[in-house]
Amino acid sequence: KNLSLSGTRMGDLMGVKKTEGGEHEYHDEEMQEEKKFSELIKDSKMSGSTDFSSRRTLTEQRQFLPIFAVRQELINVIRDNSITIIVGETGSGKTTQLTQYMYSEGYGNNGKIGCTQPRRVAAMSIAKRVSEEM
């Protein structure tokens, strides 16, 4: 179902413009970046670009992340609360590991485990990374 966002605040925020022919045109630089990025990663396998990642297995890399040390505590907090907000440093494993921990605890049995990202390109690369780790 196509919604007309032209002329609305949401449309303005999303970059929806009305063309001369009356059709809606979507102007979003990030969407263009996403297309380019998806072309680059479509057939490529993400490889370790650092000395650390090239010398360690994926399992060893995951165990070096700060979130690994508090895995069970986090699972307990999530289990005991209906809403949990996780805050941590960049690169601590919040996005790539926490979703996998929840999946292994059965949270994905009845549906999806959602993880928000502010950028489409980041979301795509993270989804690819998590799918490779699983």
C-alpha atoms as a PDB file:
ATOM      1  CA  LYS A   1       0.000   0.000   0.000  1.00  0.00           C
ATOM      2  CA  ASN A   2       1.516   3.306  -1.081  1.00  0.00           C
ATOM      3  CA  LEU A   3       1.083   6.212   1.282  1.00  0.00           C
ATOM      4  CA  SER A   4       1.322   9.787   0.123  1.00  0.00           C
ATOM      5  CA  LEU A   5       3.943  11.452   2.283  1.00  0.00           C
ATOM      6  CA  SER A   6       4.416  14.442  -0.003  1.00  0.00           C
ATOM      7  CA  GLY A   7       3.668  17.668   1.820  1.00  0.00           C
ATOM      8  CA  THR A   8       3.657  16.041   5.256  1.00  0.00           C
ATOM      9  CA  ARG A   9       6.210  16.602   8.006  1.00  0.00           C
ATOM     10  CA  MET A  10       7.241  12.946   7.784  1.00  0.00           C
ATOM     11  CA  GLY A  11       7.605  13.292   4.015  1.00  0.00           C
ATOM     12  CA  ASP A  12       9.749  16.380   4.464  1.00  0.00           C
ATOM     13  CA  LEU A  13      11.944  14.570   6.980  1.00  0.00           C
ATOM     14  CA  MET A  14      12.284  11.561   4.693  1.00  0.00           C
ATOM     15  CA  GLY A  15      13.016  13.689   1.631  1.00  0.00           C
ATOM     16  CA  VAL A  16       9.857  12.834  -0.351  1.00  0.00           C
ATOM     17  CA  LYS A  17       9.369  15.367  -3.162  1.00  0.00           C
ATOM     18  CA  LYS A  18       6.512  15.694  -5.611  1.00  0.00           C
ATOM     19  CA  THR A  19       7.643  15.640  -9.254  1.00  0.00           C
ATOM     20  CA  GLU A  20       6.018  17.522 -12.135  1.00  0.00           C
ATOM     21  CA  GLY A  21       4.085  14.431 -13.263  1.00  0.00           C
ATOM     22  CA  GLY A  22       2.443  14.142  -9.860  1.00  0.00           C
ATOM     23  CA  GLU A  23       4.464  11.094  -8.884  1.00  0.00           C
ATOM     24  CA  HIS A  24       6.431  11.024  -5.684  1.00  0.00           C
ATOM     25  CA  GLU A  25      10.155  10.911  -5.872  1.00  0.00           C
ATOM     26  CA  TYR A  26      12.306   9.764  -2.974  1.00  0.00           C
ATOM     27  CA  HIS A  27      15.463  11.844  -2.435  1.00  0.00           C
ATOM     28  CA  ASP A  28      17.641  10.387   0.230  1.00  0.00           C
ATOM     29  CA  GLU A  29      21.423  10.341   0.086  1.00  0.00           C
ATOM     30  CA  GLU A  30      21.543   7.559   2.634  1.00  0.00           C
ATOM     31  CA  MET A  31      19.387   5.354   0.409  1.00  0.00           C
ATOM     32  CA  GLN A  32      21.851   5.912  -2.433  1.00  0.00           C
ATOM     33  CA  GLU A  33      24.715   4.996  -0.091  1.00  0.00           C
ATOM     34  CA  GLU A  34      22.805   1.855   0.896  1.00  0.00           C
ATOM     35  CA  LYS A  35      22.507   0.802  -2.737  1.00  0.00           C
ATOM     36  CA  LYS A  36      26.228   1.291  -3.300  1.00  0.00           C
ATOM     37  CA  PHE A  37      27.081  -0.476  -0.041  1.00  0.00           C
ATOM     38  CA  SER A  38      24.806  -3.424  -0.796  1.00  0.00           C
ATOM     39  CA  GLU A  39      26.511  -3.851  -4.162  1.00  0.00           C
ATOM     40  CA  LEU A  40      29.898  -3.956  -2.458  1.00  0.00           C
ATOM     41  CA  ILE A  41      28.950  -6.500   0.196  1.00  0.00           C
ATOM     42  CA  LYS A  42      26.583  -8.608  -1.898  1.00  0.00           C
ATOM     43  CA  ASP A  43      29.164 -11.187  -2.932  1.00  0.00           C
ATOM     44  CA  SER A  44      32.038 -10.266  -0.653  1.00  0.00           C
ATOM     45  CA  LYS A  45      32.863 -12.017   2.581  1.00  0.00           C
ATOM     46  CA  MET A  46      33.743  -9.692   5.438  1.00  0.00           C
ATOM     47  CA  SER A  47      37.321 -10.357   6.396  1.00  0.00           C
ATOM     48  CA  GLY A  48      39.373  -9.245   9.357  1.00  0.00           C
ATOM     49  CA  SER A  49      41.240  -6.113   8.470  1.00  0.00           C
ATOM     50  CA  THR A  50      43.211  -5.853  11.687  1.00  0.00           C
ATOM     51  CA  ASP A  51      46.063  -7.941  12.982  1.00  0.00           C
ATOM     52  CA  PHE A  52      43.917  -8.945  15.979  1.00  0.00           C
ATOM     53  CA  SER A  53      41.031 -10.241  13.886  1.00  0.00           C
ATOM     54  CA  SER A  54      43.255 -12.030  11.399  1.00  0.00           C
ATOM     55  CA  ARG A  55      45.055 -13.969  14.160  1.00  0.00           C
ATOM     56  CA  ARG A  56      41.965 -14.965  16.158  1.00  0.00           C
ATOM     57  CA  THR A  57      39.025 -17.206  15.393  1.00  0.00           C
ATOM     58  CA  LEU A  58      35.564 -15.680  15.399  1.00  0.00           C
ATOM     59  CA  THR A  59      34.827 -17.353  18.735  1.00  0.00           C
ATOM     60  CA  GLU A  60      37.990 -15.898  20.277  1.00  0.00           C
ATOM     61  CA  GLN A  61      37.135 -12.437  18.937  1.00  0.00           C
ATOM     62  CA  ARG A  62      33.672 -12.658  20.505  1.00  0.00           C
ATOM     63  CA  GLN A  63      35.146 -13.687  23.867  1.00  0.00           C
ATOM     64  CA  PHE A  64      37.373 -10.589  23.907  1.00  0.00           C
ATOM     65  CA  LEU A  65      34.374  -8.231  23.741  1.00  0.00           C
ATOM     66  CA  PRO A  66      33.448  -6.578  27.069  1.00  0.00           C
ATOM     67  CA  ILE A  67      29.866  -7.857  26.879  1.00  0.00           C
ATOM     68  CA  PHE A  68      31.095 -11.463  27.047  1.00  0.00           C
ATOM     69  CA  ALA A  69      32.125 -11.039  30.699  1.00  0.00           C
ATOM     70  CA  VAL A  70      28.588 -10.033  31.726  1.00  0.00           C
ATOM     71  CA  ARG A  71      26.588 -12.289  29.412  1.00  0.00           C
ATOM     72  CA  GLN A  72      24.666 -14.202  32.070  1.00  0.00           C
ATOM     73  CA  GLU A  73      23.996 -11.096  34.146  1.00  0.00           C
ATOM     74  CA  LEU A  74      22.503  -9.367  31.098  1.00  0.00           C
ATOM     75  CA  ILE A  75      20.335 -12.375  30.258  1.00  0.00           C
ATOM     76  CA  ASN A  76      19.063 -12.417  33.851  1.00  0.00           C
ATOM     77  CA  VAL A  77      18.229  -8.700  33.745  1.00  0.00           C
ATOM     78  CA  ILE A  78      16.416  -9.115  30.416  1.00  0.00           C
ATOM     79  CA  ARG A  79      14.497 -12.111  31.754  1.00  0.00           C
ATOM     80  CA  ASP A  80      13.464 -10.244  34.930  1.00  0.00           C
ATOM     81  CA  ASN A  81      12.333  -7.013  33.209  1.00  0.00           C
ATOM     82  CA  SER A  82       9.875  -6.365  30.402  1.00  0.00           C
ATOM     83  CA  ILE A  83      11.923  -3.391  29.161  1.00  0.00           C
ATOM     84  CA  THR A  84      15.700  -3.212  29.328  1.00  0.00           C
ATOM     85  CA  ILE A  85      17.950  -0.480  27.965  1.00  0.00           C
ATOM     86  CA  ILE A  86      21.559  -1.490  27.436  1.00  0.00           C
ATOM     87  CA  VAL A  87      24.167   1.277  27.399  1.00  0.00           C
ATOM     88  CA  GLY A  88      27.802   0.615  26.628  1.00  0.00           C
ATOM     89  CA  GLU A  89      30.843   1.839  24.759  1.00  0.00           C
ATOM     90  CA  THR A  90      31.168   1.561  21.005  1.00  0.00           C
ATOM     91  CA  GLY A  91      32.581  -1.843  20.137  1.00  0.00           C
ATOM     92  CA  SER A  92      31.535  -3.497  23.393  1.00  0.00           C
ATOM     93  CA  GLY A  93      29.313  -6.044  21.609  1.00  0.00           C
ATOM     94  CA  LYS A  94      25.871  -4.631  22.398  1.00  0.00           C
ATOM     95  CA  THR A  95      24.562  -4.959  18.871  1.00  0.00           C
ATOM     96  CA  THR A  96      26.283  -8.035  17.492  1.00  0.00           C
ATOM     97  CA  GLN A  97      26.413 -10.175  20.611  1.00  0.00           C
ATOM     98  CA  LEU A  98      23.355  -9.314  22.683  1.00  0.00           C
ATOM     99  CA  THR A  99      20.997 -10.297  19.868  1.00  0.00           C
ATOM    100  CA  GLN A 100      22.762 -13.649  19.598  1.00  0.00           C
ATOM    101  CA  TYR A 101      22.629 -14.182  23.364  1.00  0.00           C
ATOM    102  CA  MET A 102      18.900 -13.533  23.326  1.00  0.00           C
ATOM    103  CA  TYR A 103      18.443 -15.903  20.394  1.00  0.00           C
ATOM    104  CA  SER A 104      20.354 -18.670  22.171  1.00  0.00           C
ATOM    105  CA  GLU A 105      18.122 -18.154  25.237  1.00  0.00           C
ATOM    106  CA  GLY A 106      15.018 -18.739  23.113  1.00  0.00           C
ATOM    107  CA  TYR A 107      13.801 -15.169  22.701  1.00  0.00           C
ATOM    108  CA  GLY A 108      13.579 -15.634  18.930  1.00  0.00           C
ATOM    109  CA  ASN A 109      11.352 -18.719  19.060  1.00  0.00           C
ATOM    110  CA  ASN A 110       8.062 -16.813  18.730  1.00  0.00           C
ATOM    111  CA  GLY A 111       9.171 -14.024  16.448  1.00  0.00           C
ATOM    112  CA  LYS A 112      11.985 -11.630  15.791  1.00  0.00           C
ATOM    113  CA  ILE A 113      14.583 -10.006  17.974  1.00  0.00           C
ATOM    114  CA  GLY A 114      14.806  -6.340  17.042  1.00  0.00           C
ATOM    115  CA  CYS A 115      17.864  -4.156  17.258  1.00  0.00           C
ATOM    116  CA  THR A 116      17.665  -0.551  16.095  1.00  0.00           C
ATOM    117  CA  GLN A 117      20.397   1.273  14.210  1.00  0.00           C
ATOM    118  CA  PRO A 118      20.433   4.961  13.273  1.00  0.00           C
ATOM    119  CA  ARG A 119      21.750   4.367   9.744  1.00  0.00           C
ATOM    120  CA  ARG A 120      20.708   1.907   7.044  1.00  0.00           C
ATOM    121  CA  VAL A 121      24.275   1.212   5.986  1.00  0.00           C
ATOM    122  CA  ALA A 122      25.267   0.359   9.556  1.00  0.00           C
ATOM    123  CA  ALA A 123      22.200  -1.847   9.933  1.00  0.00           C
ATOM    124  CA  MET A 124      23.073  -3.767   6.778  1.00  0.00           C
ATOM    125  CA  SER A 125      26.701  -4.365   7.739  1.00  0.00           C
ATOM    126  CA  ILE A 126      25.728  -5.399  11.267  1.00  0.00           C
ATOM    127  CA  ALA A 127      23.053  -7.770   9.970  1.00  0.00           C
ATOM    128  CA  LYS A 128      25.632  -9.345   7.682  1.00  0.00           C
ATOM    129  CA  ARG A 129      28.125  -9.706  10.537  1.00  0.00           C
ATOM    130  CA  VAL A 130      25.574 -11.285  12.895  1.00  0.00           C
ATOM    131  CA  SER A 131      24.363 -13.683  10.192  1.00  0.00           C
ATOM    132  CA  GLU A 132      27.950 -14.785   9.571  1.00  0.00           C
ATOM    133  CA  GLU A 133      28.553 -15.329  13.290  1.00  0.00           C
ATOM    134  CA  MET A 134      25.396 -17.376  13.706  1.00  0.00           C
END
